[in-house]
Amino acid sequence: MSSEYFSTPADLPATIGNSQKPREPLIAATDLAARVRALNDAFRRSFAGGQVVETPGVVELAEADRIALQLAVRRFSSFDPDNDPHGEHDFGAVEVGGERFFWKIDAYDRALLGGSPDPADPAVTTRVLTIMRIDEY
């Protein structure tokens, strides 16, 4: 660290002992992830409040298989640190009819021109859930 943070070595223990400042960003990040997770879960479970996109490999499935795949995505709950490292519930893999598929939620700005300025704010965010065969990822 640069010396601008501590005027003397004696200031170091006092600064380390002040847990208020370092924890604020962690709490804010945790709250943000919880809000994004709740919005992603609500969208994934209902397909309401955003757009659902199916890749060509999914569109080509028989109607019954597409319905089963959509249901599997809506019911998905097997989140773990490997598939959900940020705790936002924005990615998963499901198996339908012996074939594996991925789904992914992206948060775009309202005009769908770029990323959302605040994925936790539905007023400035359009969620897009893409369902794809694994070879289309």
C-alpha atoms as a PDB file:
ATOM      1  CA  MET A   1       0.000   0.000   0.000  1.00  0.00           C
ATOM      2  CA  SER A   2       1.112   3.521  -0.554  1.00  0.00           C
ATOM      3  CA  SER A   3       2.039   5.681   2.397  1.00  0.00           C
ATOM      4  CA  GLU A   4      -0.948   7.960   1.785  1.00  0.00           C
ATOM      5  CA  TYR A   5      -3.152   5.496   3.689  1.00  0.00           C
ATOM      6  CA  PHE A   6      -1.147   5.566   6.934  1.00  0.00           C
ATOM      7  CA  SER A   7       0.644   8.562   8.349  1.00  0.00           C
ATOM      8  CA  THR A   8       2.732   6.437  10.739  1.00  0.00           C
ATOM      9  CA  PRO A   9       3.114   2.718  11.456  1.00  0.00           C
ATOM     10  CA  ALA A  10       1.119   3.342  14.634  1.00  0.00           C
ATOM     11  CA  ASP A  11      -1.929   4.146  12.463  1.00  0.00           C
ATOM     12  CA  LEU A  12      -1.915   0.684  10.889  1.00  0.00           C
ATOM     13  CA  PRO A  13      -3.522  -1.253  13.797  1.00  0.00           C
ATOM     14  CA  ALA A  14      -6.203   1.395  14.217  1.00  0.00           C
ATOM     15  CA  THR A  15      -7.028   1.206  10.512  1.00  0.00           C
ATOM     16  CA  ILE A  16      -7.103  -2.603  10.476  1.00  0.00           C
ATOM     17  CA  GLY A  17      -9.297  -2.591  13.572  1.00  0.00           C
ATOM     18  CA  ASN A  18     -11.806  -0.307  11.825  1.00  0.00           C
ATOM     19  CA  SER A  19     -13.907  -3.003  10.188  1.00  0.00           C
ATOM     20  CA  GLN A  20     -16.670  -0.593   9.154  1.00  0.00           C
ATOM     21  CA  LYS A  21     -15.017   0.771   5.991  1.00  0.00           C
ATOM     22  CA  PRO A  22     -13.761  -2.495   4.440  1.00  0.00           C
ATOM     23  CA  ARG A  23     -17.075  -4.300   5.044  1.00  0.00           C
ATOM     24  CA  GLU A  24     -19.314  -1.722   3.395  1.00  0.00           C
ATOM     25  CA  PRO A  25     -18.411  -2.720  -0.195  1.00  0.00           C
ATOM     26  CA  LEU A  26     -18.806  -6.421   0.677  1.00  0.00           C
ATOM     27  CA  ILE A  27     -22.254  -5.834   2.134  1.00  0.00           C
ATOM     28  CA  ALA A  28     -23.251  -3.757  -0.871  1.00  0.00           C
ATOM     29  CA  ALA A  29     -21.963  -6.462  -3.243  1.00  0.00           C
ATOM     30  CA  THR A  30     -23.853  -9.126  -1.294  1.00  0.00           C
ATOM     31  CA  ASP A  31     -27.049  -7.073  -1.377  1.00  0.00           C
ATOM     32  CA  LEU A  32     -26.590  -6.453  -5.093  1.00  0.00           C
ATOM     33  CA  ALA A  33     -26.079 -10.159  -5.808  1.00  0.00           C
ATOM     34  CA  ALA A  34     -29.159 -11.014  -3.727  1.00  0.00           C
ATOM     35  CA  ARG A  35     -31.303  -8.522  -5.676  1.00  0.00           C
ATOM     36  CA  VAL A  36     -29.993  -9.772  -9.039  1.00  0.00           C
ATOM     37  CA  ARG A  37     -30.508 -13.377  -7.926  1.00  0.00           C
ATOM     38  CA  ALA A  38     -34.125 -12.691  -6.921  1.00  0.00           C
ATOM     39  CA  LEU A  39     -34.858 -10.958 -10.239  1.00  0.00           C
ATOM     40  CA  ASN A  40     -33.159 -13.738 -12.232  1.00  0.00           C
ATOM     41  CA  ASP A  41     -35.055 -16.439 -10.319  1.00  0.00           C
ATOM     42  CA  ALA A  42     -38.401 -14.700 -10.820  1.00  0.00           C
ATOM     43  CA  PHE A  43     -37.754 -14.289 -14.544  1.00  0.00           C
ATOM     44  CA  ARG A  44     -36.452 -17.834 -15.042  1.00  0.00           C
ATOM     45  CA  ARG A  45     -39.385 -19.389 -13.184  1.00  0.00           C
ATOM     46  CA  SER A  46     -42.063 -17.387 -15.015  1.00  0.00           C
ATOM     47  CA  PHE A  47     -40.451 -16.246 -18.299  1.00  0.00           C
ATOM     48  CA  ALA A  48     -42.173 -12.925 -17.536  1.00  0.00           C
ATOM     49  CA  GLY A  49     -40.316  -9.633 -17.361  1.00  0.00           C
ATOM     50  CA  GLY A  50     -37.782 -10.217 -20.120  1.00  0.00           C
ATOM     51  CA  GLN A  51     -37.175 -12.060 -23.358  1.00  0.00           C
ATOM     52  CA  VAL A  52     -36.631 -15.781 -23.887  1.00  0.00           C
ATOM     53  CA  VAL A  53     -34.471 -16.781 -26.848  1.00  0.00           C
ATOM     54  CA  GLU A  54     -34.042 -20.306 -28.171  1.00  0.00           C
ATOM     55  CA  THR A  55     -31.124 -21.155 -30.431  1.00  0.00           C
ATOM     56  CA  PRO A  56     -31.741 -22.994 -33.729  1.00  0.00           C
ATOM     57  CA  GLY A  57     -30.865 -26.346 -32.150  1.00  0.00           C
ATOM     58  CA  VAL A  58     -33.602 -25.839 -29.567  1.00  0.00           C
ATOM     59  CA  VAL A  59     -36.165 -24.530 -32.060  1.00  0.00           C
ATOM     60  CA  GLU A  60     -35.650 -27.701 -34.136  1.00  0.00           C
ATOM     61  CA  LEU A  61     -36.697 -29.967 -31.242  1.00  0.00           C
ATOM     62  CA  ALA A  62     -40.066 -31.662 -31.262  1.00  0.00           C
ATOM     63  CA  GLU A  63     -42.674 -29.526 -29.495  1.00  0.00           C
ATOM     64  CA  ALA A  64     -42.954 -31.928 -26.551  1.00  0.00           C
ATOM     65  CA  ASP A  65     -39.169 -31.830 -26.055  1.00  0.00           C
ATOM     66  CA  ARG A  66     -39.128 -28.005 -26.227  1.00  0.00           C
ATOM     67  CA  ILE A  67     -41.872 -27.846 -23.598  1.00  0.00           C
ATOM     68  CA  ALA A  68     -39.980 -30.326 -21.392  1.00  0.00           C
ATOM     69  CA  LEU A  69     -36.803 -28.253 -21.815  1.00  0.00           C
ATOM     70  CA  GLN A  70     -38.566 -25.010 -20.899  1.00  0.00           C
ATOM     71  CA  LEU A  71     -40.021 -26.694 -17.812  1.00  0.00           C
ATOM     72  CA  ALA A  72     -36.589 -28.016 -16.825  1.00  0.00           C
ATOM     73  CA  VAL A  73     -35.132 -24.494 -17.073  1.00  0.00           C
ATOM     74  CA  ARG A  74     -37.987 -23.023 -15.036  1.00  0.00           C
ATOM     75  CA  ARG A  75     -37.592 -25.664 -12.326  1.00  0.00           C
ATOM     76  CA  PHE A  76     -33.798 -25.594 -12.188  1.00  0.00           C
ATOM     77  CA  SER A  77     -32.460 -25.183  -8.649  1.00  0.00           C
ATOM     78  CA  SER A  78     -29.111 -26.997  -8.618  1.00  0.00           C
ATOM     79  CA  PHE A  79     -26.966 -23.922  -8.093  1.00  0.00           C
ATOM     80  CA  ASP A  80     -23.519 -24.407  -6.587  1.00  0.00           C
ATOM     81  CA  PRO A  81     -20.209 -22.519  -6.504  1.00  0.00           C
ATOM     82  CA  ASP A  82     -19.098 -24.143  -9.780  1.00  0.00           C
ATOM     83  CA  ASN A  83     -22.079 -23.063 -11.897  1.00  0.00           C
ATOM     84  CA  ASP A  84     -22.971 -19.950  -9.881  1.00  0.00           C
ATOM     85  CA  PRO A  85     -19.734 -18.374  -8.602  1.00  0.00           C
ATOM     86  CA  HIS A  86     -21.266 -14.896  -8.187  1.00  0.00           C
ATOM     87  CA  GLY A  87     -24.526 -16.078  -6.606  1.00  0.00           C
ATOM     88  CA  GLU A  88     -26.688 -14.495  -9.300  1.00  0.00           C
ATOM     89  CA  HIS A  89     -28.463 -17.641 -10.581  1.00  0.00           C
ATOM     90  CA  ASP A  90     -27.745 -16.648 -14.183  1.00  0.00           C
ATOM     91  CA  PHE A  91     -26.546 -19.962 -15.667  1.00  0.00           C
ATOM     92  CA  GLY A  92     -27.430 -23.627 -15.540  1.00  0.00           C
ATOM     93  CA  ALA A  93     -27.348 -26.957 -17.351  1.00  0.00           C
ATOM     94  CA  VAL A  94     -30.270 -29.334 -17.707  1.00  0.00           C
ATOM     95  CA  GLU A  95     -30.808 -32.687 -19.384  1.00  0.00           C
ATOM     96  CA  VAL A  96     -33.883 -33.473 -21.445  1.00  0.00           C
ATOM     97  CA  GLY A  97     -34.350 -36.608 -23.524  1.00  0.00           C
ATOM     98  CA  GLY A  98     -30.777 -37.698 -22.874  1.00  0.00           C
ATOM     99  CA  GLU A  99     -29.367 -34.432 -24.264  1.00  0.00           C
ATOM    100  CA  ARG A 100     -27.736 -31.639 -22.233  1.00  0.00           C
ATOM    101  CA  PHE A 101     -28.678 -28.004 -22.655  1.00  0.00           C
ATOM    102  CA  PHE A 102     -27.399 -24.750 -21.185  1.00  0.00           C
ATOM    103  CA  TRP A 103     -29.397 -21.704 -20.245  1.00  0.00           C
ATOM    104  CA  LYS A 104     -28.006 -18.259 -19.519  1.00  0.00           C
ATOM    105  CA  ILE A 105     -29.543 -14.985 -18.333  1.00  0.00           C
ATOM    106  CA  ASP A 106     -27.946 -11.745 -19.488  1.00  0.00           C
ATOM    107  CA  ALA A 107     -28.892  -8.289 -18.226  1.00  0.00           C
ATOM    108  CA  TYR A 108     -29.054  -5.685 -21.003  1.00  0.00           C
ATOM    109  CA  ASP A 109     -29.975  -2.024 -21.029  1.00  0.00           C
ATOM    110  CA  ARG A 110     -33.620  -1.340 -21.951  1.00  0.00           C
ATOM    111  CA  ALA A 111     -32.743  -0.745 -25.621  1.00  0.00           C
ATOM    112  CA  LEU A 112     -30.780  -4.042 -25.806  1.00  0.00           C
ATOM    113  CA  LEU A 113     -27.725  -2.158 -27.052  1.00  0.00           C
ATOM    114  CA  GLY A 114     -25.352  -3.117 -24.252  1.00  0.00           C
ATOM    115  CA  GLY A 115     -25.081  -4.298 -20.699  1.00  0.00           C
ATOM    116  CA  SER A 116     -27.437  -2.955 -18.067  1.00  0.00           C
ATOM    117  CA  PRO A 117     -26.085  -0.034 -16.052  1.00  0.00           C
ATOM    118  CA  ASP A 118     -27.641  -1.684 -12.957  1.00  0.00           C
ATOM    119  CA  PRO A 119     -28.797  -5.327 -13.266  1.00  0.00           C
ATOM    120  CA  ALA A 120     -30.518  -5.007  -9.874  1.00  0.00           C
ATOM    121  CA  ASP A 121     -32.851  -2.287 -11.208  1.00  0.00           C
ATOM    122  CA  PRO A 122     -35.667  -3.579 -13.467  1.00  0.00           C
ATOM    123  CA  ALA A 123     -36.397   0.001 -14.597  1.00  0.00           C
ATOM    124  CA  VAL A 124     -33.099   0.093 -16.533  1.00  0.00           C
ATOM    125  CA  THR A 125     -32.699  -3.616 -17.316  1.00  0.00           C
ATOM    126  CA  THR A 126     -34.064  -6.094 -19.829  1.00  0.00           C
ATOM    127  CA  ARG A 127     -33.277  -9.697 -18.972  1.00  0.00           C
ATOM    128  CA  VAL A 128     -32.667 -12.129 -21.825  1.00  0.00           C
ATOM    129  CA  LEU A 129     -32.729 -15.849 -21.104  1.00  0.00           C
ATOM    130  CA  THR A 130     -31.083 -17.930 -23.831  1.00  0.00           C
ATOM    131  CA  ILE A 131     -31.688 -21.680 -24.014  1.00  0.00           C
ATOM    132  CA  MET A 132     -29.191 -23.610 -26.144  1.00  0.00           C
ATOM    133  CA  ARG A 133     -27.743 -27.015 -26.886  1.00  0.00           C
ATOM    134  CA  ILE A 134     -24.297 -27.342 -25.337  1.00  0.00           C
ATOM    135  CA  ASP A 135     -22.656 -27.417 -28.773  1.00  0.00           C
ATOM    136  CA  GLU A 136     -24.203 -24.005 -29.498  1.00  0.00           C
ATOM    137  CA  TYR A 137     -22.544 -22.319 -26.499  1.00  0.00           C
END
